[in-house]
């Protein structure tokens, strides 16, 4: 089971710029890649695991 609460995240950002003949910046572009991988459930080591099940994001009025 994967944990919906804990995630390993990697963000890579790349910038590219274009310059005119006089060396002035005339355009720019930013590209971001955001990857997330969920970790395995820690079961009883997790504060969201109660009464033998995951209670992450459980509303208090349930």
N, C-alpha and C. Protein backbone atom coordinates (compact mmCIF):
# COMPACT_ATOMS: atom_id res chain seq x y z
N UNK A 1 0.85 -1.17 0.00
CA UNK A 1 0.00 0.00 0.00
C UNK A 1 0.90 1.24 0.00
N UNK A 2 0.57 2.21 -0.80
CA UNK A 2 1.29 3.48 -0.87
C UNK A 2 0.61 4.50 0.04
N UNK A 3 1.42 5.35 0.62
CA UNK A 3 0.92 6.37 1.54
C UNK A 3 0.46 7.60 0.76
N UNK A 4 -0.78 8.08 0.99
CA UNK A 4 -1.24 9.28 0.30
C UNK A 4 -0.70 10.56 0.95
N UNK A 5 -0.06 10.40 2.10
CA UNK A 5 0.40 11.55 2.89
C UNK A 5 1.86 11.89 2.63
N UNK A 6 2.72 10.87 2.58
CA UNK A 6 4.16 11.10 2.42
C UNK A 6 4.56 10.88 0.97
N UNK A 7 5.36 11.79 0.46
CA UNK A 7 5.75 11.73 -0.94
C UNK A 7 7.19 12.22 -1.08
N UNK A 8 7.92 11.58 -1.97
CA UNK A 8 9.24 12.06 -2.36
C UNK A 8 9.04 12.90 -3.62
N UNK A 9 9.48 14.13 -3.58
CA UNK A 9 9.25 15.04 -4.69
C UNK A 9 10.57 15.56 -5.25
N UNK A 10 10.65 15.60 -6.58
CA UNK A 10 11.80 16.15 -7.28
C UNK A 10 11.30 17.22 -8.24
N UNK A 11 11.89 18.40 -8.15
CA UNK A 11 11.52 19.49 -9.05
C UNK A 11 12.77 19.92 -9.81
N UNK A 12 12.68 19.89 -11.13
CA UNK A 12 13.78 20.35 -11.97
C UNK A 12 13.28 21.54 -12.78
N UNK A 13 14.08 22.60 -12.77
CA UNK A 13 13.71 23.81 -13.51
C UNK A 13 14.84 24.16 -14.46
N UNK A 14 14.45 24.50 -15.70
CA UNK A 14 15.44 24.88 -16.71
C UNK A 14 15.01 26.21 -17.31
N UNK A 15 15.98 27.13 -17.43
CA UNK A 15 15.72 28.42 -18.04
C UNK A 15 16.53 28.53 -19.33
N UNK A 16 15.90 29.08 -20.33
CA UNK A 16 16.61 29.39 -21.57
C UNK A 16 16.32 30.84 -21.93
N UNK A 17 17.32 31.51 -22.49
CA UNK A 17 17.17 32.92 -22.84
C UNK A 17 17.62 33.13 -24.28
N UNK A 18 17.02 34.09 -24.92
CA UNK A 18 17.44 34.50 -26.26
C UNK A 18 17.89 35.95 -26.19
N UNK A 19 18.92 36.25 -26.97
CA UNK A 19 19.49 37.60 -26.97
C UNK A 19 19.49 38.16 -28.38
N UNK A 20 19.34 39.46 -28.48
CA UNK A 20 19.40 40.10 -29.79
C UNK A 20 20.87 40.35 -30.19
N UNK A 21 21.07 41.00 -31.34
CA UNK A 21 22.42 41.22 -31.85
C UNK A 21 23.27 42.09 -30.94
N UNK A 22 22.62 42.90 -30.12
CA UNK A 22 23.35 43.80 -29.22
C UNK A 22 23.57 43.20 -27.84
N UNK A 23 23.18 41.93 -27.66
CA UNK A 23 23.41 41.25 -26.38
C UNK A 23 22.34 41.47 -25.34
N UNK A 24 21.23 42.11 -25.74
CA UNK A 24 20.15 42.33 -24.79
C UNK A 24 19.21 41.14 -24.81
N UNK A 25 18.74 40.78 -23.65
CA UNK A 25 17.80 39.67 -23.57
C UNK A 25 16.48 40.09 -24.21
N UNK A 26 15.99 39.27 -25.14
CA UNK A 26 14.74 39.62 -25.82
C UNK A 26 13.65 38.58 -25.56
N UNK A 27 14.01 37.41 -25.03
CA UNK A 27 13.02 36.38 -24.74
C UNK A 27 13.57 35.44 -23.68
N UNK A 28 12.68 34.82 -22.97
CA UNK A 28 13.08 33.85 -21.95
C UNK A 28 12.01 32.79 -21.79
N UNK A 29 12.43 31.61 -21.38
CA UNK A 29 11.50 30.51 -21.21
C UNK A 29 11.91 29.70 -19.99
N UNK A 30 10.93 29.32 -19.18
CA UNK A 30 11.18 28.48 -18.01
C UNK A 30 10.37 27.20 -18.15
N UNK A 31 11.01 26.06 -17.93
CA UNK A 31 10.34 24.77 -17.97
C UNK A 31 10.59 24.08 -16.64
N UNK A 32 9.53 23.64 -15.98
CA UNK A 32 9.66 22.93 -14.71
C UNK A 32 9.08 21.53 -14.86
N UNK A 33 9.79 20.56 -14.30
CA UNK A 33 9.31 19.19 -14.24
C UNK A 33 9.15 18.85 -12.76
N UNK A 34 7.96 18.47 -12.37
CA UNK A 34 7.64 18.19 -10.99
C UNK A 34 7.23 16.72 -10.89
N UNK A 35 8.09 15.88 -10.30
CA UNK A 35 7.80 14.45 -10.18
C UNK A 35 7.55 14.10 -8.72
N UNK A 36 6.55 13.27 -8.49
CA UNK A 36 6.23 12.82 -7.14
C UNK A 36 6.13 11.30 -7.14
N UNK A 37 6.72 10.69 -6.13
CA UNK A 37 6.57 9.25 -5.96
C UNK A 37 6.16 9.00 -4.51
N UNK A 38 5.11 8.27 -4.35
CA UNK A 38 4.58 8.00 -3.02
C UNK A 38 5.36 6.86 -2.37
N UNK A 39 5.56 6.97 -1.06
CA UNK A 39 6.33 5.97 -0.31
C UNK A 39 5.40 4.87 0.17
N UNK A 40 6.00 3.76 0.56
CA UNK A 40 5.21 2.66 1.11
C UNK A 40 4.65 3.07 2.46
N UNK A 41 3.49 2.53 2.78
CA UNK A 41 2.82 2.82 4.05
C UNK A 41 3.69 2.35 5.21
N UNK A 42 3.85 3.19 6.22
CA UNK A 42 4.64 2.87 7.41
C UNK A 42 3.80 2.17 8.48
N UNK A 43 2.54 1.99 8.20
CA UNK A 43 1.60 1.32 9.12
C UNK A 43 1.67 1.92 10.51
N UNK A 44 1.98 1.14 11.53
CA UNK A 44 1.90 1.61 12.92
C UNK A 44 2.91 2.70 13.26
N UNK A 45 3.88 2.95 12.40
CA UNK A 45 4.85 4.03 12.65
C UNK A 45 4.31 5.39 12.22
N UNK A 46 3.14 5.43 11.64
CA UNK A 46 2.55 6.66 11.12
C UNK A 46 1.43 7.15 12.03
N UNK A 47 1.39 8.45 12.26
CA UNK A 47 0.34 9.03 13.09
C UNK A 47 -1.04 8.97 12.47
N UNK A 48 -1.14 8.80 11.17
CA UNK A 48 -2.44 8.73 10.50
C UNK A 48 -3.00 7.31 10.50
N UNK A 49 -2.20 6.33 10.93
CA UNK A 49 -2.63 4.93 10.94
C UNK A 49 -3.20 4.62 12.31
N UNK A 50 -4.51 4.44 12.37
CA UNK A 50 -5.19 4.19 13.64
C UNK A 50 -6.23 3.09 13.48
N UNK A 51 -6.37 2.30 14.51
CA UNK A 51 -7.37 1.21 14.54
C UNK A 51 -7.22 0.28 13.33
N UNK A 52 -5.98 0.02 12.93
CA UNK A 52 -5.70 -0.93 11.86
C UNK A 52 -5.96 -0.43 10.45
N UNK A 53 -6.11 0.89 10.29
CA UNK A 53 -6.33 1.44 8.94
C UNK A 53 -5.79 2.85 8.84
N UNK A 54 -5.60 3.29 7.62
CA UNK A 54 -5.13 4.64 7.37
C UNK A 54 -6.30 5.61 7.54
N UNK A 55 -6.08 6.61 8.37
CA UNK A 55 -7.14 7.60 8.61
C UNK A 55 -6.72 8.97 8.06
N UNK A 56 -5.78 8.98 7.12
CA UNK A 56 -5.34 10.23 6.53
C UNK A 56 -6.51 10.93 5.86
N UNK A 57 -6.63 12.21 6.08
CA UNK A 57 -7.66 13.05 5.48
C UNK A 57 -9.06 12.66 5.90
N UNK A 58 -9.18 11.97 7.01
CA UNK A 58 -10.50 11.60 7.52
C UNK A 58 -11.08 12.81 8.24
N UNK A 59 -12.29 13.14 7.91
CA UNK A 59 -12.96 14.28 8.54
C UNK A 59 -13.35 13.92 9.97
N UNK A 60 -13.29 14.87 10.86
CA UNK A 60 -13.61 14.62 12.26
C UNK A 60 -15.10 14.35 12.48
N UNK A 61 -15.97 14.74 11.52
CA UNK A 61 -17.40 14.51 11.68
C UNK A 61 -17.86 13.18 11.10
N UNK A 62 -16.92 12.34 10.61
CA UNK A 62 -17.28 11.03 10.08
C UNK A 62 -17.55 10.04 11.19
